[in-house]
Each structure stands twice: as structure tokens, then as C-alpha cells.
Amino acid sequence: MKKILLIILFSVNTFLIAAQPDYLDQLIERYRIENGFKTTVKINIDVPGIVAPQKTVFILLENGKKPKIKGEGLVLLPKKGFIGQFSEILEIPVHWIFLERKNDFDFYKLVSLDPKSDWVTADVKLLISEPRIEELNIATRKAGEFNVKHEYIQMNYPVKSEINFETDRFNLPLKFMGKSDFSSVKDSTGKVSGKIILEFEEIEVF
């Protein structure tokens, strides 16, 4: 029985290794952040029931230090879709499950093996020729589901990210909401759906 179990475990592990894209090392290296990053980002929030003008903020994030954020007024920053998320997805232990290949794109499902990660699964669309992450569908443990689409020009990181979400755990500072009616934010199922668009400028990774 032990020999059979060992054979099964070996076979599963071999399949999981084979399922990883052969360009995974290139992906990891593309999005690697050694010490931190800084950028200016425009934030547009589209959530029913919330009136939120466009914000432009400066963000400095250094490993082991509290983030520095400069901008006028209160700022809502999404946990998903920011630059650091790439390494969070690619560098923790995961199961890679190959789904399909369409033209120049590979589709994978990632299953987190880290009990401390805030996400459970992520469906990933990868551009093979670069390679790079084009789109993510992320199911989190506590914050609902997120779809993140990225746009690139000529750099490793996106210049624009669109984050669509649905969650039942959406809390905002009352001051930020202003005259908005909080009850109108949630739909009939008690969930909140919305979109956040991030436009990055002057990205510097160090």
C-alpha cells in the first residue's frame, strides 16, 4: 500500500510540475520586486451609490516599511490589481492546472497551497510571446471575487489595470462616501459590484 501511495504522489507531483508553463521563470523575473517600487497612479472608482472623484496619488512602497501615500483627500486603494500582486501570485507555492491554449494565449488555473494567502484560486490568461499576465480571475478567502485586466506599452508592468469585483465585505469610511446612501451600494443579494481603474505613471521598481 505504501508503494502504491508513493507512486500516486510521485505521479501527481510530476503532473503538476509539467503543468507549469516552461516560461514561468521569465514571468517571475519580469515581475520581481527586490526592495520596493514607487509610482504615480490615477484612481477612478465606479461603484453604485458612491460618488468618488478621480484621485491622483503618489505611492512609495519599500519592503519592511509602512507604505507612503500622498494625495488630496481620502483615498480608496484596492488590495487587488496593484504591482506587488504579481509576485504574490507567482512566488508562493501553487498547483498549476493547464486549461487550454488559444492562439498566443495560455490559460491556467492556479490553486494556492499557502494557507496564509488571501486568495484560493486564480484563473490566469498569459501572453506566450512576451510572456506576461494579461488577465486574472481571483477568488479570495474573505473579500469576494476579482477580475483584473492589464494593459501594457513597453515596460514590464502594466500602465493600466481594470479591476471588476463582487464582494459582500465592502467597507468604506463614511467620510469618503460623503452624501452617498450606503444601502444603495449593495444589491438584492447583499453583494457589492463595482469597477476600479488604475492608470500608472512613472513606475520605478528597485
N, C-alpha and C. Protein backbone atom coordinates (compact mmCIF):
# COMPACT_ATOMS: atom_id res chain seq x y z
N MET A 1 0.83 -1.21 0.00
CA MET A 1 0.00 0.00 0.00
C MET A 1 0.87 1.26 0.00
N LYS A 2 1.94 1.27 0.80
CA LYS A 2 2.82 2.43 0.86
C LYS A 2 3.46 2.70 -0.50
N LYS A 3 3.85 1.60 -1.19
CA LYS A 3 4.47 1.77 -2.50
C LYS A 3 3.48 2.39 -3.49
N ILE A 4 2.22 1.94 -3.40
CA ILE A 4 1.19 2.47 -4.30
C ILE A 4 0.98 3.96 -4.04
N LEU A 5 0.91 4.34 -2.75
CA LEU A 5 0.73 5.75 -2.40
C LEU A 5 1.90 6.59 -2.89
N LEU A 6 3.12 6.06 -2.75
CA LEU A 6 4.29 6.79 -3.20
C LEU A 6 4.26 7.00 -4.71
N ILE A 7 3.82 5.97 -5.43
CA ILE A 7 3.73 6.06 -6.89
C ILE A 7 2.71 7.11 -7.29
N ILE A 8 1.55 7.10 -6.58
CA ILE A 8 0.50 8.08 -6.88
C ILE A 8 0.98 9.49 -6.61
N LEU A 9 1.62 9.71 -5.45
CA LEU A 9 2.12 11.03 -5.10
C LEU A 9 3.17 11.51 -6.09
N PHE A 10 4.05 10.59 -6.50
CA PHE A 10 5.08 10.95 -7.48
C PHE A 10 4.45 11.35 -8.80
N SER A 11 3.43 10.60 -9.21
CA SER A 11 2.75 10.88 -10.47
C SER A 11 2.06 12.23 -10.43
N VAL A 12 1.37 12.54 -9.30
CA VAL A 12 0.69 13.83 -9.15
C VAL A 12 1.68 14.97 -9.20
N ASN A 13 2.78 14.85 -8.45
CA ASN A 13 3.78 15.90 -8.43
C ASN A 13 4.41 16.11 -9.80
N THR A 14 4.65 15.02 -10.51
CA THR A 14 5.22 15.12 -11.86
C THR A 14 4.27 15.85 -12.78
N PHE A 15 2.96 15.55 -12.67
CA PHE A 15 1.96 16.23 -13.50
C PHE A 15 1.91 17.72 -13.20
N LEU A 16 1.96 18.06 -11.90
CA LEU A 16 1.88 19.47 -11.52
C LEU A 16 3.08 20.25 -12.01
N ILE A 17 4.28 19.61 -11.95
CA ILE A 17 5.47 20.27 -12.45
C ILE A 17 5.36 20.46 -13.95
N ALA A 18 4.88 19.43 -14.66
CA ALA A 18 4.74 19.51 -16.11
C ALA A 18 3.71 20.54 -16.51
N ALA A 19 2.71 20.77 -15.63
CA ALA A 19 1.64 21.71 -15.96
C ALA A 19 2.11 23.15 -15.91
N GLN A 20 3.20 23.42 -15.22
CA GLN A 20 3.72 24.78 -15.17
C GLN A 20 4.18 25.22 -16.55
N PRO A 21 3.96 26.48 -16.92
CA PRO A 21 4.47 26.93 -18.22
C PRO A 21 5.99 26.91 -18.25
N ASP A 22 6.56 26.56 -19.41
CA ASP A 22 8.01 26.49 -19.50
C ASP A 22 8.66 27.87 -19.43
N TYR A 23 7.84 28.93 -19.48
CA TYR A 23 8.36 30.29 -19.37
C TYR A 23 8.06 30.88 -17.99
N LEU A 24 7.79 30.04 -17.00
CA LEU A 24 7.46 30.53 -15.66
C LEU A 24 8.60 31.36 -15.07
N ASP A 25 9.84 30.92 -15.26
CA ASP A 25 10.98 31.67 -14.72
C ASP A 25 11.04 33.08 -15.32
N GLN A 26 10.70 33.21 -16.60
CA GLN A 26 10.68 34.52 -17.25
C GLN A 26 9.58 35.40 -16.64
N LEU A 27 8.43 34.79 -16.36
CA LEU A 27 7.34 35.54 -15.73
C LEU A 27 7.75 36.06 -14.36
N ILE A 28 8.34 35.17 -13.56
CA ILE A 28 8.76 35.55 -12.21
C ILE A 28 9.78 36.67 -12.27
N GLU A 29 10.75 36.55 -13.18
CA GLU A 29 11.80 37.55 -13.30
C GLU A 29 11.23 38.88 -13.79
N ARG A 30 10.25 38.83 -14.69
CA ARG A 30 9.64 40.06 -15.21
C ARG A 30 9.02 40.90 -14.11
N TYR A 31 8.33 40.24 -13.18
CA TYR A 31 7.58 40.97 -12.17
C TYR A 31 8.28 41.03 -10.81
N ARG A 32 9.52 40.59 -10.75
CA ARG A 32 10.23 40.55 -9.47
C ARG A 32 10.44 41.96 -8.92
N ILE A 33 10.17 42.12 -7.63
CA ILE A 33 10.43 43.38 -6.93
C ILE A 33 11.37 43.07 -5.77
N GLU A 34 12.60 43.54 -5.87
CA GLU A 34 13.60 43.22 -4.86
C GLU A 34 13.38 44.00 -3.57
N ASN A 35 13.24 45.32 -3.69
CA ASN A 35 13.18 46.16 -2.49
C ASN A 35 11.92 47.01 -2.38
N GLY A 36 11.26 47.28 -3.50
CA GLY A 36 10.06 48.09 -3.45
C GLY A 36 9.79 48.75 -4.79
N PHE A 37 8.86 49.69 -4.79
CA PHE A 37 8.56 50.44 -6.01
C PHE A 37 7.94 51.78 -5.64
N LYS A 38 7.95 52.69 -6.62
CA LYS A 38 7.24 53.95 -6.45
C LYS A 38 6.57 54.30 -7.78
N THR A 39 5.42 54.95 -7.70
CA THR A 39 4.67 55.29 -8.90
C THR A 39 3.64 56.36 -8.58
N THR A 40 3.20 57.04 -9.62
CA THR A 40 2.04 57.91 -9.53
C THR A 40 0.89 57.21 -10.22
N VAL A 41 -0.28 57.20 -9.60
CA VAL A 41 -1.40 56.45 -10.16
C VAL A 41 -2.68 57.27 -10.09
N LYS A 42 -3.42 57.26 -11.19
CA LYS A 42 -4.76 57.84 -11.22
C LYS A 42 -5.77 56.75 -10.87
N ILE A 43 -6.68 57.07 -9.96
CA ILE A 43 -7.64 56.08 -9.49
C ILE A 43 -9.06 56.55 -9.81
N ASN A 44 -9.76 55.74 -10.60
CA ASN A 44 -11.17 56.01 -10.92
C ASN A 44 -12.03 54.91 -10.32
N ILE A 45 -13.02 55.28 -9.53
CA ILE A 45 -13.87 54.32 -8.83
C ILE A 45 -15.30 54.41 -9.36
N ASP A 46 -15.84 53.27 -9.77
CA ASP A 46 -17.20 53.21 -10.28
C ASP A 46 -17.97 52.16 -9.48
N VAL A 47 -18.61 52.60 -8.41
CA VAL A 47 -19.40 51.73 -7.54
C VAL A 47 -20.77 52.36 -7.36
N PRO A 48 -21.87 51.64 -7.65
CA PRO A 48 -23.21 52.22 -7.49
C PRO A 48 -23.41 52.75 -6.07
N GLY A 49 -23.92 53.97 -5.97
CA GLY A 49 -24.20 54.55 -4.66
C GLY A 49 -23.06 55.33 -4.07
N ILE A 50 -21.91 55.34 -4.75
CA ILE A 50 -20.75 56.06 -4.22
C ILE A 50 -20.31 57.12 -5.23
N VAL A 51 -20.21 58.36 -4.76
CA VAL A 51 -19.71 59.44 -5.60
C VAL A 51 -18.24 59.66 -5.23
N ALA A 52 -17.34 59.30 -6.14
CA ALA A 52 -15.91 59.38 -5.84
C ALA A 52 -15.19 60.03 -7.00
N PRO A 53 -14.70 61.25 -6.85
CA PRO A 53 -13.96 61.90 -7.93
C PRO A 53 -12.63 61.19 -8.18
N GLN A 54 -12.11 61.38 -9.38
CA GLN A 54 -10.81 60.78 -9.72
C GLN A 54 -9.73 61.29 -8.76
N LYS A 55 -8.87 60.38 -8.34
CA LYS A 55 -7.77 60.74 -7.45
C LYS A 55 -6.44 60.46 -8.14
N THR A 56 -5.47 61.33 -7.91
CA THR A 56 -4.10 61.09 -8.35
C THR A 56 -3.22 61.06 -7.12
N VAL A 57 -2.53 59.94 -6.92
CA VAL A 57 -1.73 59.77 -5.71
C VAL A 57 -0.33 59.28 -6.06
N PHE A 58 0.60 59.59 -5.18
CA PHE A 58 1.96 59.08 -5.27
C PHE A 58 2.12 57.98 -4.23
N ILE A 59 2.67 56.85 -4.64
CA ILE A 59 2.84 55.71 -3.74
C ILE A 59 4.29 55.28 -3.71
N LEU A 60 4.84 55.15 -2.52
CA LEU A 60 6.18 54.62 -2.32
C LEU A 60 6.07 53.43 -1.38
N LEU A 61 6.46 52.25 -1.87
CA LEU A 61 6.39 51.04 -1.06
C LEU A 61 7.78 50.42 -0.99
N GLU A 62 8.33 50.36 0.22
CA GLU A 62 9.62 49.73 0.46
C GLU A 62 9.41 48.53 1.38
N ASN A 63 10.04 47.43 1.04
CA ASN A 63 9.88 46.21 1.83
C ASN A 63 10.21 46.44 3.30
N GLY A 64 9.30 45.99 4.17
CA GLY A 64 9.52 46.11 5.60
C GLY A 64 9.16 47.47 6.17
N LYS A 65 8.68 48.39 5.32
CA LYS A 65 8.31 49.72 5.79
C LYS A 65 6.84 50.00 5.50
N LYS A 66 6.27 50.93 6.23
CA LYS A 66 4.90 51.33 6.00
C LYS A 66 4.80 52.09 4.68
N PRO A 67 3.82 51.77 3.84
CA PRO A 67 3.69 52.48 2.56
C PRO A 67 3.50 53.97 2.75
N LYS A 68 4.09 54.76 1.86
CA LYS A 68 3.90 56.21 1.87
C LYS A 68 2.96 56.58 0.72
N ILE A 69 1.85 57.21 1.05
CA ILE A 69 0.84 57.56 0.06
C ILE A 69 0.54 59.05 0.19
N LYS A 70 0.71 59.78 -0.92
CA LYS A 70 0.46 61.21 -0.92
C LYS A 70 -0.61 61.54 -1.96
N GLY A 71 -1.66 62.23 -1.51
CA GLY A 71 -2.72 62.62 -2.41
C GLY A 71 -3.74 63.46 -1.65
N GLU A 72 -4.56 64.18 -2.38
CA GLU A 72 -5.54 65.04 -1.74
C GLU A 72 -6.76 64.23 -1.29
N GLY A 73 -7.25 64.52 -0.08
CA GLY A 73 -8.45 63.87 0.41
C GLY A 73 -8.21 62.42 0.80
N LEU A 74 -9.29 61.75 1.11
CA LEU A 74 -9.23 60.34 1.45
C LEU A 74 -9.12 59.52 0.18
N VAL A 75 -8.34 58.46 0.23
CA VAL A 75 -8.08 57.65 -0.95
C VAL A 75 -8.46 56.20 -0.67
N LEU A 76 -9.23 55.61 -1.59
CA LEU A 76 -9.56 54.20 -1.51
C LEU A 76 -8.61 53.43 -2.42
N LEU A 77 -7.78 52.58 -1.84
CA LEU A 77 -6.84 51.79 -2.62
C LEU A 77 -7.26 50.32 -2.60
N PRO A 78 -7.46 49.72 -3.76
CA PRO A 78 -7.85 48.31 -3.80
C PRO A 78 -6.70 47.40 -3.40
N LYS A 79 -7.01 46.28 -2.75
CA LYS A 79 -5.97 45.33 -2.38
C LYS A 79 -5.51 44.53 -3.59
N LYS A 80 -6.39 44.39 -4.59
CA LYS A 80 -6.06 43.63 -5.78
C LYS A 80 -5.73 44.56 -6.94
N GLY A 81 -4.83 44.10 -7.81
CA GLY A 81 -4.55 44.84 -9.02
C GLY A 81 -3.30 45.69 -8.97
N PHE A 82 -2.70 45.87 -7.78
CA PHE A 82 -1.51 46.68 -7.70
C PHE A 82 -0.28 45.88 -8.12
N ILE A 83 0.82 46.59 -8.30
CA ILE A 83 2.03 46.00 -8.86
C ILE A 83 2.52 44.80 -8.06
N GLY A 84 2.49 44.89 -6.74
CA GLY A 84 3.02 43.82 -5.91
C GLY A 84 2.27 42.51 -6.00
N GLN A 85 1.08 42.53 -6.59
CA GLN A 85 0.27 41.32 -6.64
C GLN A 85 0.88 40.25 -7.55
N PHE A 86 1.66 40.65 -8.55
CA PHE A 86 2.24 39.67 -9.46
C PHE A 86 3.13 38.68 -8.71
N SER A 87 4.01 39.21 -7.86
CA SER A 87 4.89 38.33 -7.11
C SER A 87 4.12 37.50 -6.10
N GLU A 88 3.02 38.05 -5.55
CA GLU A 88 2.19 37.30 -4.61
C GLU A 88 1.57 36.07 -5.29
N ILE A 89 1.22 36.23 -6.56
CA ILE A 89 0.60 35.13 -7.30
C ILE A 89 1.65 34.11 -7.75
N LEU A 90 2.81 34.59 -8.22
CA LEU A 90 3.78 33.72 -8.89
C LEU A 90 4.79 33.07 -7.95
N GLU A 91 5.04 33.66 -6.80
CA GLU A 91 6.16 33.20 -5.99
C GLU A 91 5.76 32.41 -4.75
N ILE A 92 4.46 32.16 -4.54
CA ILE A 92 4.06 31.30 -3.44
C ILE A 92 3.78 29.91 -3.99
N PRO A 93 3.78 28.86 -3.14
CA PRO A 93 3.50 27.51 -3.64
C PRO A 93 2.08 27.40 -4.18
N VAL A 94 1.96 26.91 -5.41
CA VAL A 94 0.64 26.77 -6.05
C VAL A 94 0.60 25.50 -6.88
N HIS A 95 -0.60 25.00 -7.13
CA HIS A 95 -0.84 23.99 -8.16
C HIS A 95 -1.11 24.73 -9.46
N TRP A 96 -0.40 24.38 -10.52
CA TRP A 96 -0.67 24.90 -11.85
C TRP A 96 -1.49 23.87 -12.61
N ILE A 97 -2.65 24.26 -13.08
CA ILE A 97 -3.51 23.36 -13.85
C ILE A 97 -3.71 23.98 -15.23
N PHE A 98 -3.19 23.32 -16.27
CA PHE A 98 -3.32 23.84 -17.62
C PHE A 98 -4.75 23.65 -18.12
N LEU A 99 -5.35 24.71 -18.65
CA LEU A 99 -6.72 24.65 -19.14
C LEU A 99 -6.77 24.55 -20.66
N GLU A 100 -6.16 25.49 -21.35
CA GLU A 100 -6.17 25.44 -22.81
C GLU A 100 -5.21 26.48 -23.38
N ARG A 101 -4.93 26.33 -24.68
CA ARG A 101 -4.15 27.32 -25.42
C ARG A 101 -4.99 27.84 -26.58
N LYS A 102 -5.11 29.18 -26.68
CA LYS A 102 -5.84 29.81 -27.78
C LYS A 102 -4.92 30.83 -28.42
N ASN A 103 -4.58 30.57 -29.70
CA ASN A 103 -3.69 31.48 -30.43
C ASN A 103 -2.41 31.71 -29.64
N ASP A 104 -2.16 32.95 -29.21
CA ASP A 104 -0.91 33.24 -28.49
C ASP A 104 -1.12 33.34 -26.99
N PHE A 105 -2.20 32.72 -26.49
CA PHE A 105 -2.50 32.81 -25.07
C PHE A 105 -2.62 31.43 -24.44
N ASP A 106 -2.07 31.30 -23.23
CA ASP A 106 -2.26 30.11 -22.40
C ASP A 106 -3.20 30.47 -21.25
N PHE A 107 -4.05 29.50 -20.88
CA PHE A 107 -4.98 29.69 -19.77
C PHE A 107 -4.69 28.63 -18.71
N TYR A 108 -4.48 29.08 -17.48
CA TYR A 108 -4.18 28.21 -16.36
C TYR A 108 -5.11 28.52 -15.18
N LYS A 109 -5.33 27.50 -14.36
CA LYS A 109 -5.95 27.71 -13.05
C LYS A 109 -4.88 27.47 -12.00
N LEU A 110 -4.71 28.43 -11.11
CA LEU A 110 -3.76 28.30 -10.01
C LEU A 110 -4.53 28.07 -8.71
N VAL A 111 -4.06 27.10 -7.94
CA VAL A 111 -4.67 26.81 -6.64
C VAL A 111 -3.61 27.05 -5.57
N SER A 112 -3.87 27.97 -4.67
CA SER A 112 -2.88 28.31 -3.66
C SER A 112 -2.68 27.16 -2.68
N LEU A 113 -1.40 26.88 -2.37
CA LEU A 113 -1.05 25.88 -1.36
C LEU A 113 -0.59 26.54 -0.07
N ASP A 114 -0.65 27.86 -0.04
CA ASP A 114 -0.23 28.62 1.14
C ASP A 114 -1.46 28.97 1.97
N PRO A 115 -1.62 28.38 3.16
CA PRO A 115 -2.81 28.67 3.98
C PRO A 115 -2.90 30.12 4.43
N LYS A 116 -1.79 30.86 4.32
CA LYS A 116 -1.78 32.26 4.74
C LYS A 116 -2.13 33.23 3.60
N SER A 117 -2.18 32.73 2.38
CA SER A 117 -2.51 33.62 1.26
C SER A 117 -3.97 34.03 1.35
N ASP A 118 -4.27 35.25 0.88
CA ASP A 118 -5.65 35.73 0.98
C ASP A 118 -6.49 35.31 -0.22
N TRP A 119 -5.91 34.55 -1.15
CA TRP A 119 -6.67 34.06 -2.29
C TRP A 119 -6.64 32.53 -2.34
N VAL A 120 -7.66 31.95 -2.97
CA VAL A 120 -7.78 30.49 -3.03
C VAL A 120 -7.43 29.98 -4.41
N THR A 121 -8.08 30.54 -5.44
CA THR A 121 -7.80 30.15 -6.82
C THR A 121 -7.65 31.40 -7.69
N ALA A 122 -6.93 31.23 -8.80
CA ALA A 122 -6.79 32.32 -9.76
C ALA A 122 -6.75 31.73 -11.16
N ASP A 123 -7.68 32.14 -12.01
CA ASP A 123 -7.64 31.77 -13.42
C ASP A 123 -6.82 32.84 -14.14
N VAL A 124 -5.76 32.40 -14.83
CA VAL A 124 -4.78 33.32 -15.39
C VAL A 124 -4.73 33.19 -16.91
N LYS A 125 -4.74 34.34 -17.58
CA LYS A 125 -4.55 34.40 -19.03
C LYS A 125 -3.16 34.94 -19.29
N LEU A 126 -2.31 34.17 -19.96
CA LEU A 126 -0.91 34.54 -20.18
C LEU A 126 -0.63 34.75 -21.66
N LEU A 127 0.03 35.85 -21.99
CA LEU A 127 0.51 36.06 -23.35
C LEU A 127 1.83 35.32 -23.50
N ILE A 128 1.90 34.37 -24.43
CA ILE A 128 3.05 33.49 -24.54
C ILE A 128 4.28 34.22 -25.09
N SER A 129 4.10 35.06 -26.09
CA SER A 129 5.23 35.65 -26.80
C SER A 129 6.03 36.63 -25.97
N GLU A 130 5.46 37.21 -24.90
CA GLU A 130 6.19 38.20 -24.12
C GLU A 130 7.17 37.55 -23.14
N PRO A 131 6.82 36.73 -22.17
CA PRO A 131 5.46 36.42 -21.70
C PRO A 131 5.03 37.41 -20.61
N ARG A 132 3.68 37.49 -20.38
CA ARG A 132 3.17 38.40 -19.36
C ARG A 132 1.75 37.99 -18.99
N ILE A 133 1.28 38.53 -17.85
CA ILE A 133 -0.08 38.26 -17.37
C ILE A 133 -1.03 39.29 -17.97
N GLU A 134 -2.02 38.80 -18.71
CA GLU A 134 -2.99 39.68 -19.34
C GLU A 134 -4.23 39.87 -18.47
N GLU A 135 -4.66 38.79 -17.81
CA GLU A 135 -5.92 38.86 -17.07
C GLU A 135 -5.91 37.83 -15.94
N LEU A 136 -6.57 38.18 -14.84
CA LEU A 136 -6.69 37.31 -13.68
C LEU A 136 -8.14 37.30 -13.19
N ASN A 137 -8.64 36.11 -12.87
CA ASN A 137 -9.91 35.99 -12.14
C ASN A 137 -9.57 35.37 -10.79
N ILE A 138 -9.69 36.15 -9.73
CA ILE A 138 -9.20 35.72 -8.41
C ILE A 138 -10.36 35.50 -7.46
N ALA A 139 -10.38 34.34 -6.82
CA ALA A 139 -11.34 34.04 -5.76
C ALA A 139 -10.59 34.13 -4.43
N THR A 140 -10.98 35.07 -3.57
CA THR A 140 -10.29 35.26 -2.30
C THR A 140 -11.01 34.52 -1.17
N ARG A 141 -10.34 34.41 -0.03
CA ARG A 141 -10.93 33.72 1.11
C ARG A 141 -12.02 34.55 1.78
N LYS A 142 -11.84 35.89 1.81
CA LYS A 142 -12.76 36.72 2.58
C LYS A 142 -13.29 37.94 1.83
N ALA A 143 -12.69 38.29 0.71
CA ALA A 143 -13.03 39.57 0.07
C ALA A 143 -13.76 39.42 -1.25
N GLY A 144 -14.31 38.24 -1.55
CA GLY A 144 -15.09 38.09 -2.77
C GLY A 144 -14.23 37.75 -3.97
N GLU A 145 -14.75 38.06 -5.15
CA GLU A 145 -14.09 37.71 -6.40
C GLU A 145 -13.69 38.97 -7.17
N PHE A 146 -12.54 38.87 -7.85
CA PHE A 146 -11.99 39.99 -8.59
C PHE A 146 -11.59 39.55 -9.99
N ASN A 147 -11.90 40.36 -10.98
CA ASN A 147 -11.37 40.18 -12.33
C ASN A 147 -10.46 41.36 -12.62
N VAL A 148 -9.22 41.08 -13.00
CA VAL A 148 -8.23 42.14 -13.21
C VAL A 148 -7.68 42.02 -14.63
N LYS A 149 -7.85 43.08 -15.43
CA LYS A 149 -7.33 43.12 -16.79
C LYS A 149 -6.23 44.18 -16.87
N HIS A 150 -5.13 43.81 -17.53
CA HIS A 150 -3.97 44.70 -17.60
C HIS A 150 -3.70 45.16 -19.03
N GLU A 151 -3.22 46.39 -19.15
CA GLU A 151 -2.78 46.93 -20.44
C GLU A 151 -1.32 47.35 -20.33
N TYR A 152 -0.53 47.01 -21.36
CA TYR A 152 0.90 47.30 -21.35
C TYR A 152 1.27 48.18 -22.54
N ILE A 153 2.43 48.84 -22.42
CA ILE A 153 3.01 49.53 -23.58
C ILE A 153 4.39 48.92 -23.83
N GLN A 154 5.44 49.51 -23.28
CA GLN A 154 6.78 48.97 -23.48
C GLN A 154 7.52 48.92 -22.15
N MET A 155 6.98 48.19 -21.21
CA MET A 155 7.64 48.03 -19.93
C MET A 155 7.12 46.74 -19.29
N ASN A 156 7.79 46.31 -18.23
CA ASN A 156 7.42 45.04 -17.60
C ASN A 156 6.07 45.08 -16.92
N TYR A 157 5.70 46.26 -16.41
CA TYR A 157 4.48 46.38 -15.62
C TYR A 157 3.39 47.09 -16.41
N PRO A 158 2.13 46.85 -16.07
CA PRO A 158 1.04 47.49 -16.81
C PRO A 158 1.01 49.00 -16.62
N VAL A 159 0.49 49.69 -17.63
CA VAL A 159 0.25 51.12 -17.50
C VAL A 159 -1.19 51.38 -17.08
N LYS A 160 -2.02 50.33 -17.21
CA LYS A 160 -3.42 50.47 -16.83
C LYS A 160 -3.95 49.12 -16.37
N SER A 161 -4.71 49.13 -15.27
CA SER A 161 -5.35 47.92 -14.76
C SER A 161 -6.80 48.22 -14.43
N GLU A 162 -7.68 47.35 -14.91
CA GLU A 162 -9.11 47.49 -14.61
C GLU A 162 -9.53 46.35 -13.69
N ILE A 163 -10.08 46.70 -12.53
CA ILE A 163 -10.44 45.73 -11.50
C ILE A 163 -11.96 45.71 -11.35
N ASN A 164 -12.57 44.61 -11.73
CA ASN A 164 -14.01 44.43 -11.52
C ASN A 164 -14.18 43.47 -10.35
N PHE A 165 -15.09 43.78 -9.44
CA PHE A 165 -15.21 42.95 -8.24
C PHE A 165 -16.66 42.72 -7.84
N GLU A 166 -16.85 41.66 -7.08
CA GLU A 166 -18.13 41.37 -6.43
C GLU A 166 -17.82 40.81 -5.06
N THR A 167 -18.33 41.44 -4.03
CA THR A 167 -18.00 41.04 -2.67
C THR A 167 -19.14 41.39 -1.72
N ASP A 168 -19.20 40.69 -0.61
CA ASP A 168 -20.17 41.05 0.43
C ASP A 168 -19.46 41.64 1.63
N ARG A 169 -18.16 41.94 1.48
CA ARG A 169 -17.37 42.52 2.57
C ARG A 169 -16.71 43.81 2.08
N PHE A 170 -17.54 44.79 1.78
CA PHE A 170 -17.05 46.04 1.22
C PHE A 170 -17.30 47.16 2.21
N ASN A 171 -16.26 47.61 2.86
CA ASN A 171 -16.39 48.65 3.87
C ASN A 171 -15.65 49.90 3.43
N LEU A 172 -16.30 51.03 3.52
CA LEU A 172 -15.69 52.31 3.16
C LEU A 172 -15.84 53.29 4.32
N PRO A 173 -14.85 54.19 4.49
CA PRO A 173 -15.02 55.23 5.50
C PRO A 173 -16.24 56.08 5.18
N LEU A 174 -17.04 56.39 6.17
CA LEU A 174 -18.26 57.16 5.94
C LEU A 174 -17.94 58.54 5.36
N LYS A 175 -16.82 59.15 5.77
CA LYS A 175 -16.45 60.46 5.25
C LYS A 175 -16.17 60.39 3.76
N PHE A 176 -15.54 59.27 3.35
CA PHE A 176 -15.23 59.11 1.94
C PHE A 176 -16.50 59.02 1.12
N MET A 177 -17.53 58.39 1.69
CA MET A 177 -18.77 58.19 0.96
C MET A 177 -19.58 59.48 0.85
N GLY A 178 -19.30 60.43 1.71
CA GLY A 178 -19.99 61.72 1.64
C GLY A 178 -21.49 61.56 1.80
N LYS A 179 -22.25 62.07 0.82
CA LYS A 179 -23.70 62.02 0.89
C LYS A 179 -24.28 60.73 0.32
N SER A 180 -23.43 59.78 -0.05
CA SER A 180 -23.92 58.56 -0.65
C SER A 180 -24.73 57.74 0.35
N ASP A 181 -25.68 57.00 -0.16
CA ASP A 181 -26.51 56.13 0.68
C ASP A 181 -25.88 54.74 0.70
N PHE A 182 -25.38 54.31 1.86
CA PHE A 182 -24.68 53.03 1.95
C PHE A 182 -25.56 51.85 1.53
N SER A 183 -26.86 51.96 1.81
CA SER A 183 -27.76 50.86 1.46
C SER A 183 -27.84 50.65 -0.04
N SER A 184 -27.59 51.70 -0.82
CA SER A 184 -27.67 51.58 -2.27
C SER A 184 -26.44 50.93 -2.87
N VAL A 185 -25.39 50.74 -2.07
CA VAL A 185 -24.18 50.11 -2.58
C VAL A 185 -24.40 48.62 -2.80
N LYS A 186 -25.15 47.97 -1.91
CA LYS A 186 -25.37 46.53 -2.02
C LYS A 186 -26.59 46.23 -2.87
N ASP A 187 -26.51 45.13 -3.63
CA ASP A 187 -27.66 44.74 -4.44
C ASP A 187 -28.60 43.85 -3.64
N SER A 188 -29.58 43.24 -4.32
CA SER A 188 -30.59 42.45 -3.62
C SER A 188 -30.02 41.19 -2.97
N THR A 189 -28.84 40.75 -3.41
CA THR A 189 -28.20 39.57 -2.82
C THR A 189 -27.29 39.93 -1.65
N GLY A 190 -27.17 41.23 -1.36
CA GLY A 190 -26.29 41.66 -0.28
C GLY A 190 -24.85 41.84 -0.71
N LYS A 191 -24.58 41.76 -2.03
CA LYS A 191 -23.22 41.90 -2.53
C LYS A 191 -23.01 43.28 -3.14
N VAL A 192 -21.75 43.63 -3.29
CA VAL A 192 -21.37 44.90 -3.89
C VAL A 192 -20.60 44.60 -5.17
N SER A 193 -21.01 45.19 -6.26
CA SER A 193 -20.30 45.05 -7.53
C SER A 193 -19.78 46.41 -7.94
N GLY A 194 -18.61 46.45 -8.53
CA GLY A 194 -18.07 47.72 -8.95
C GLY A 194 -16.82 47.56 -9.78
N LYS A 195 -16.24 48.69 -10.15
CA LYS A 195 -15.06 48.69 -11.00
C LYS A 195 -14.11 49.79 -10.53
N ILE A 196 -12.83 49.48 -10.53
CA ILE A 196 -11.79 50.45 -10.20
C ILE A 196 -10.76 50.42 -11.32
N ILE A 197 -10.41 51.58 -11.86
CA ILE A 197 -9.42 51.67 -12.93
C ILE A 197 -8.19 52.39 -12.40
N LEU A 198 -7.04 51.76 -12.56
CA LEU A 198 -5.77 52.32 -12.13
C LEU A 198 -4.92 52.65 -13.36
N GLU A 199 -4.44 53.88 -13.45
CA GLU A 199 -3.55 54.28 -14.54
C GLU A 199 -2.21 54.69 -13.94
N PHE A 200 -1.18 53.90 -14.25
CA PHE A 200 0.14 54.08 -13.63
C PHE A 200 1.03 54.98 -14.48
N GLU A 201 1.77 55.86 -13.82
CA GLU A 201 2.74 56.72 -14.48
C GLU A 201 4.04 56.69 -13.69
N GLU A 202 5.16 56.80 -14.41
CA GLU A 202 6.49 56.91 -13.78
C GLU A 202 6.73 55.78 -12.79
N ILE A 203 6.51 54.55 -13.24
CA ILE A 203 6.76 53.40 -12.38
C ILE A 203 8.27 53.16 -12.26
N GLU A 204 8.74 53.05 -11.05
CA GLU A 204 10.14 52.71 -10.79
C GLU A 204 10.20 51.58 -9.78
N VAL A 205 10.77 50.45 -10.20
CA VAL A 205 10.92 49.28 -9.33
C VAL A 205 12.38 49.17 -8.93
N PHE A 206 12.63 48.93 -7.64
CA PHE A 206 14.02 48.88 -7.17
C PHE A 206 14.21 47.76 -6.16
